[in-house]
Amino acid sequence: MAFTNHDTALRMIKARLNRLQKDDTLDEYLLARIQGAAQELTRIGIELDNSSDDLMLVVDYAVWQYQNRDAPGEMPPWLRLRRRERWIHIDEGEAT
């Protein structure tokens, strides 16, 4: 199953960024960020589904990318750990 919660993710990102839900000026850009974040996670081997865990991972990942798009630096440890734990969860699931 692929990640398809783009509309829900958009609403959550707007809330995280303190943007009004009715303000659609950045919707296209934020939706591209959501799609890019989901594709990047998939590229590293995480098969996203529509679970709340995966929704939050995509939202957190996209918000981090948006807020740090012009800033040098690494991914924060908490997000790197979540991404790694999700990746390990996939490996464990396939091994059983």
N, C-alpha and C. Protein backbone atom coordinates (compact mmCIF):
# COMPACT_ATOMS: atom_id res chain seq x y z
N MET A 1 0.84 -1.17 0.00
CA MET A 1 0.00 0.00 0.00
C MET A 1 0.90 1.24 0.00
N ALA A 2 0.55 2.21 -0.75
CA ALA A 2 1.32 3.45 -0.84
C ALA A 2 0.72 4.53 0.06
N PHE A 3 1.52 5.51 0.36
CA PHE A 3 1.06 6.63 1.18
C PHE A 3 0.15 7.52 0.33
N THR A 4 -1.08 7.70 0.78
CA THR A 4 -2.04 8.52 0.03
C THR A 4 -2.71 9.60 0.87
N ASN A 5 -2.23 9.80 2.08
CA ASN A 5 -2.84 10.78 2.99
C ASN A 5 -2.33 12.20 2.77
N HIS A 6 -2.19 12.61 1.52
CA HIS A 6 -1.63 13.92 1.23
C HIS A 6 -2.47 15.06 1.79
N ASP A 7 -3.78 14.97 1.69
CA ASP A 7 -4.64 16.05 2.19
C ASP A 7 -4.57 16.17 3.71
N THR A 8 -4.58 15.04 4.39
CA THR A 8 -4.46 15.05 5.84
C THR A 8 -3.10 15.60 6.25
N ALA A 9 -2.06 15.16 5.55
CA ALA A 9 -0.70 15.64 5.84
C ALA A 9 -0.63 17.14 5.63
N LEU A 10 -1.25 17.65 4.58
CA LEU A 10 -1.24 19.09 4.32
C LEU A 10 -1.90 19.86 5.46
N ARG A 11 -3.04 19.38 5.94
CA ARG A 11 -3.71 20.06 7.06
C ARG A 11 -2.84 20.04 8.31
N MET A 12 -2.16 18.93 8.55
CA MET A 12 -1.30 18.82 9.74
C MET A 12 -0.08 19.73 9.61
N ILE A 13 0.50 19.80 8.43
CA ILE A 13 1.66 20.68 8.22
C ILE A 13 1.25 22.13 8.41
N LYS A 14 0.11 22.51 7.89
CA LYS A 14 -0.35 23.89 8.09
C LYS A 14 -0.51 24.19 9.58
N ALA A 15 -1.02 23.25 10.32
CA ALA A 15 -1.17 23.45 11.77
C ALA A 15 0.19 23.58 12.43
N ARG A 16 1.14 22.73 12.05
CA ARG A 16 2.50 22.79 12.63
C ARG A 16 3.19 24.11 12.30
N LEU A 17 2.90 24.66 11.12
CA LEU A 17 3.52 25.91 10.69
C LEU A 17 2.71 27.14 11.09
N ASN A 18 1.65 26.92 11.87
CA ASN A 18 0.77 28.01 12.31
C ASN A 18 0.18 28.80 11.14
N ARG A 19 -0.21 28.09 10.11
CA ARG A 19 -0.86 28.71 8.96
C ARG A 19 -2.36 28.42 9.04
N LEU A 20 -3.15 29.36 8.61
CA LEU A 20 -4.59 29.16 8.58
C LEU A 20 -4.92 28.08 7.56
N GLN A 21 -5.87 27.22 7.89
CA GLN A 21 -6.27 26.15 6.98
C GLN A 21 -6.83 26.72 5.67
N LYS A 22 -7.49 27.86 5.75
CA LYS A 22 -8.08 28.44 4.54
C LYS A 22 -7.06 29.16 3.66
N ASP A 23 -5.85 29.39 4.18
CA ASP A 23 -4.79 30.03 3.40
C ASP A 23 -4.17 28.98 2.48
N ASP A 24 -4.46 29.09 1.20
CA ASP A 24 -3.98 28.08 0.26
C ASP A 24 -2.82 28.57 -0.61
N THR A 25 -2.18 29.66 -0.22
CA THR A 25 -1.12 30.23 -1.04
C THR A 25 0.09 29.30 -1.18
N LEU A 26 0.35 28.48 -0.20
CA LEU A 26 1.50 27.56 -0.27
C LEU A 26 1.09 26.10 -0.46
N ASP A 27 -0.17 25.84 -0.71
CA ASP A 27 -0.65 24.46 -0.79
C ASP A 27 0.11 23.65 -1.84
N GLU A 28 0.29 24.19 -3.02
CA GLU A 28 0.97 23.44 -4.08
C GLU A 28 2.41 23.11 -3.66
N TYR A 29 3.09 24.08 -3.09
CA TYR A 29 4.46 23.87 -2.64
C TYR A 29 4.52 22.84 -1.51
N LEU A 30 3.63 22.97 -0.52
CA LEU A 30 3.63 22.05 0.60
C LEU A 30 3.25 20.63 0.16
N LEU A 31 2.33 20.51 -0.79
CA LEU A 31 1.98 19.19 -1.32
C LEU A 31 3.18 18.57 -2.04
N ALA A 32 3.95 19.39 -2.74
CA ALA A 32 5.16 18.87 -3.38
C ALA A 32 6.16 18.43 -2.32
N ARG A 33 6.27 19.16 -1.22
CA ARG A 33 7.14 18.76 -0.11
C ARG A 33 6.69 17.42 0.48
N ILE A 34 5.39 17.26 0.64
CA ILE A 34 4.84 16.01 1.18
C ILE A 34 5.19 14.86 0.24
N GLN A 35 4.93 15.05 -1.04
CA GLN A 35 5.22 14.00 -2.01
C GLN A 35 6.72 13.70 -2.05
N GLY A 36 7.53 14.74 -2.01
CA GLY A 36 8.98 14.54 -2.01
C GLY A 36 9.47 13.80 -0.78
N ALA A 37 8.92 14.14 0.38
CA ALA A 37 9.31 13.46 1.62
C ALA A 37 8.92 11.98 1.56
N ALA A 38 7.71 11.70 1.09
CA ALA A 38 7.26 10.32 0.98
C ALA A 38 8.13 9.54 -0.01
N GLN A 39 8.47 10.16 -1.13
CA GLN A 39 9.32 9.49 -2.12
C GLN A 39 10.72 9.25 -1.58
N GLU A 40 11.26 10.21 -0.85
CA GLU A 40 12.59 10.04 -0.27
C GLU A 40 12.60 8.90 0.73
N LEU A 41 11.59 8.83 1.57
CA LEU A 41 11.50 7.74 2.54
C LEU A 41 11.36 6.39 1.84
N THR A 42 10.60 6.37 0.77
CA THR A 42 10.44 5.14 -0.01
C THR A 42 11.75 4.73 -0.67
N ARG A 43 12.48 5.71 -1.17
CA ARG A 43 13.76 5.43 -1.83
C ARG A 43 14.77 4.77 -0.91
N ILE A 44 14.71 5.09 0.39
CA ILE A 44 15.66 4.48 1.32
C ILE A 44 15.15 3.15 1.88
N GLY A 45 14.01 2.71 1.38
CA GLY A 45 13.53 1.37 1.73
C GLY A 45 12.36 1.32 2.68
N ILE A 46 11.77 2.44 3.00
CA ILE A 46 10.60 2.46 3.89
C ILE A 46 9.34 2.41 3.04
N GLU A 47 8.58 1.34 3.19
CA GLU A 47 7.33 1.20 2.45
C GLU A 47 6.22 1.82 3.28
N LEU A 48 5.87 3.03 2.94
CA LEU A 48 4.87 3.77 3.70
C LEU A 48 3.48 3.22 3.44
N ASP A 49 2.66 3.29 4.48
CA ASP A 49 1.25 2.98 4.32
C ASP A 49 0.46 4.16 4.87
N ASN A 50 -0.78 3.98 5.13
CA ASN A 50 -1.61 5.08 5.60
C ASN A 50 -1.84 5.04 7.10
N SER A 51 -0.90 4.43 7.83
CA SER A 51 -1.02 4.39 9.28
C SER A 51 -0.74 5.76 9.87
N SER A 52 -1.18 5.97 11.09
CA SER A 52 -0.92 7.25 11.75
C SER A 52 0.57 7.45 11.99
N ASP A 53 1.31 6.38 12.24
CA ASP A 53 2.76 6.49 12.42
C ASP A 53 3.44 7.00 11.15
N ASP A 54 3.07 6.44 10.02
CA ASP A 54 3.67 6.87 8.76
C ASP A 54 3.22 8.28 8.39
N LEU A 55 1.98 8.61 8.69
CA LEU A 55 1.50 9.97 8.44
C LEU A 55 2.34 10.97 9.23
N MET A 56 2.57 10.69 10.50
CA MET A 56 3.36 11.60 11.33
C MET A 56 4.82 11.66 10.88
N LEU A 57 5.36 10.53 10.42
CA LEU A 57 6.73 10.53 9.92
C LEU A 57 6.85 11.42 8.68
N VAL A 58 5.93 11.30 7.76
CA VAL A 58 5.95 12.13 6.55
C VAL A 58 5.77 13.60 6.91
N VAL A 59 4.83 13.89 7.81
CA VAL A 59 4.60 15.28 8.23
C VAL A 59 5.85 15.85 8.90
N ASP A 60 6.41 15.13 9.85
CA ASP A 60 7.60 15.62 10.54
C ASP A 60 8.76 15.81 9.57
N TYR A 61 8.93 14.87 8.66
CA TYR A 61 10.01 14.94 7.68
C TYR A 61 9.83 16.14 6.75
N ALA A 62 8.61 16.34 6.26
CA ALA A 62 8.33 17.45 5.35
C ALA A 62 8.47 18.80 6.07
N VAL A 63 8.01 18.89 7.30
CA VAL A 63 8.15 20.15 8.06
C VAL A 63 9.61 20.45 8.31
N TRP A 64 10.39 19.43 8.68
CA TRP A 64 11.82 19.65 8.90
C TRP A 64 12.48 20.13 7.61
N GLN A 65 12.15 19.51 6.48
CA GLN A 65 12.72 19.94 5.21
C GLN A 65 12.32 21.38 4.89
N TYR A 66 11.07 21.71 5.11
CA TYR A 66 10.59 23.07 4.83
C TYR A 66 11.29 24.10 5.71
N GLN A 67 11.37 23.82 6.98
CA GLN A 67 11.94 24.80 7.91
C GLN A 67 13.46 24.91 7.78
N ASN A 68 14.12 23.94 7.20
CA ASN A 68 15.58 23.94 7.09
C ASN A 68 16.06 23.94 5.65
N ARG A 69 15.21 24.36 4.73
CA ARG A 69 15.55 24.29 3.32
C ARG A 69 16.75 25.15 2.95
N ASP A 70 17.00 26.22 3.66
CA ASP A 70 18.12 27.11 3.36
C ASP A 70 19.20 27.08 4.43
N ALA A 71 19.05 26.22 5.41
CA ALA A 71 20.00 26.17 6.52
C ALA A 71 20.89 24.94 6.41
N PRO A 72 22.19 25.14 6.57
CA PRO A 72 23.06 23.97 6.58
C PRO A 72 22.87 23.19 7.88
N GLY A 73 23.21 21.97 7.86
CA GLY A 73 23.10 21.18 9.08
C GLY A 73 22.46 19.84 8.83
N GLU A 74 22.59 19.02 9.82
CA GLU A 74 22.08 17.66 9.72
C GLU A 74 20.65 17.57 10.24
N MET A 75 20.05 16.45 9.93
CA MET A 75 18.73 16.14 10.45
C MET A 75 18.83 16.02 11.96
N PRO A 76 17.83 16.51 12.69
CA PRO A 76 17.89 16.40 14.15
C PRO A 76 17.89 14.92 14.57
N PRO A 77 18.56 14.63 15.67
CA PRO A 77 18.67 13.23 16.11
C PRO A 77 17.32 12.53 16.29
N TRP A 78 16.32 13.22 16.82
CA TRP A 78 15.03 12.58 17.06
C TRP A 78 14.39 12.13 15.75
N LEU A 79 14.54 12.93 14.69
CA LEU A 79 13.95 12.57 13.41
C LEU A 79 14.77 11.47 12.73
N ARG A 80 16.07 11.55 12.82
CA ARG A 80 16.94 10.52 12.26
C ARG A 80 16.65 9.17 12.92
N LEU A 81 16.44 9.19 14.24
CA LEU A 81 16.13 7.96 14.98
C LEU A 81 14.77 7.40 14.57
N ARG A 82 13.78 8.27 14.43
CA ARG A 82 12.45 7.79 14.01
C ARG A 82 12.50 7.16 12.63
N ARG A 83 13.23 7.82 11.72
CA ARG A 83 13.37 7.29 10.37
C ARG A 83 14.07 5.92 10.40
N ARG A 84 15.12 5.82 11.19
CA ARG A 84 15.87 4.57 11.30
C ARG A 84 15.01 3.46 11.93
N GLU A 85 14.29 3.80 12.99
CA GLU A 85 13.43 2.82 13.65
C GLU A 85 12.34 2.33 12.71
N ARG A 86 11.81 3.22 11.90
CA ARG A 86 10.78 2.81 10.93
C ARG A 86 11.38 1.90 9.88
N TRP A 87 12.60 2.20 9.45
CA TRP A 87 13.29 1.37 8.47
C TRP A 87 13.57 -0.01 9.05
N ILE A 88 14.03 -0.07 10.30
CA ILE A 88 14.30 -1.34 10.95
C ILE A 88 13.01 -2.14 11.11
N HIS A 89 11.92 -1.47 11.42
CA HIS A 89 10.62 -2.14 11.57
C HIS A 89 10.24 -2.86 10.28
N ILE A 90 10.52 -2.27 9.14
CA ILE A 90 10.24 -2.91 7.84
C ILE A 90 11.07 -4.18 7.71
N ASP A 91 12.36 -4.09 8.05
CA ASP A 91 13.22 -5.26 7.94
C ASP A 91 12.74 -6.38 8.85
N GLU A 92 12.36 -6.06 10.07
CA GLU A 92 11.86 -7.07 10.99
C GLU A 92 10.58 -7.70 10.49
N GLY A 93 9.71 -6.89 9.91
CA GLY A 93 8.45 -7.40 9.40
C GLY A 93 8.65 -8.36 8.24
N GLU A 94 9.62 -8.10 7.40
CA GLU A 94 9.87 -8.98 6.27
C GLU A 94 10.57 -10.26 6.69
N ALA A 95 11.30 -10.19 7.82
CA ALA A 95 12.07 -11.36 8.27
C ALA A 95 11.17 -12.41 8.93
N THR A 96 9.99 -12.02 9.39
CA THR A 96 9.13 -12.97 10.09
C THR A 96 8.21 -13.69 9.14
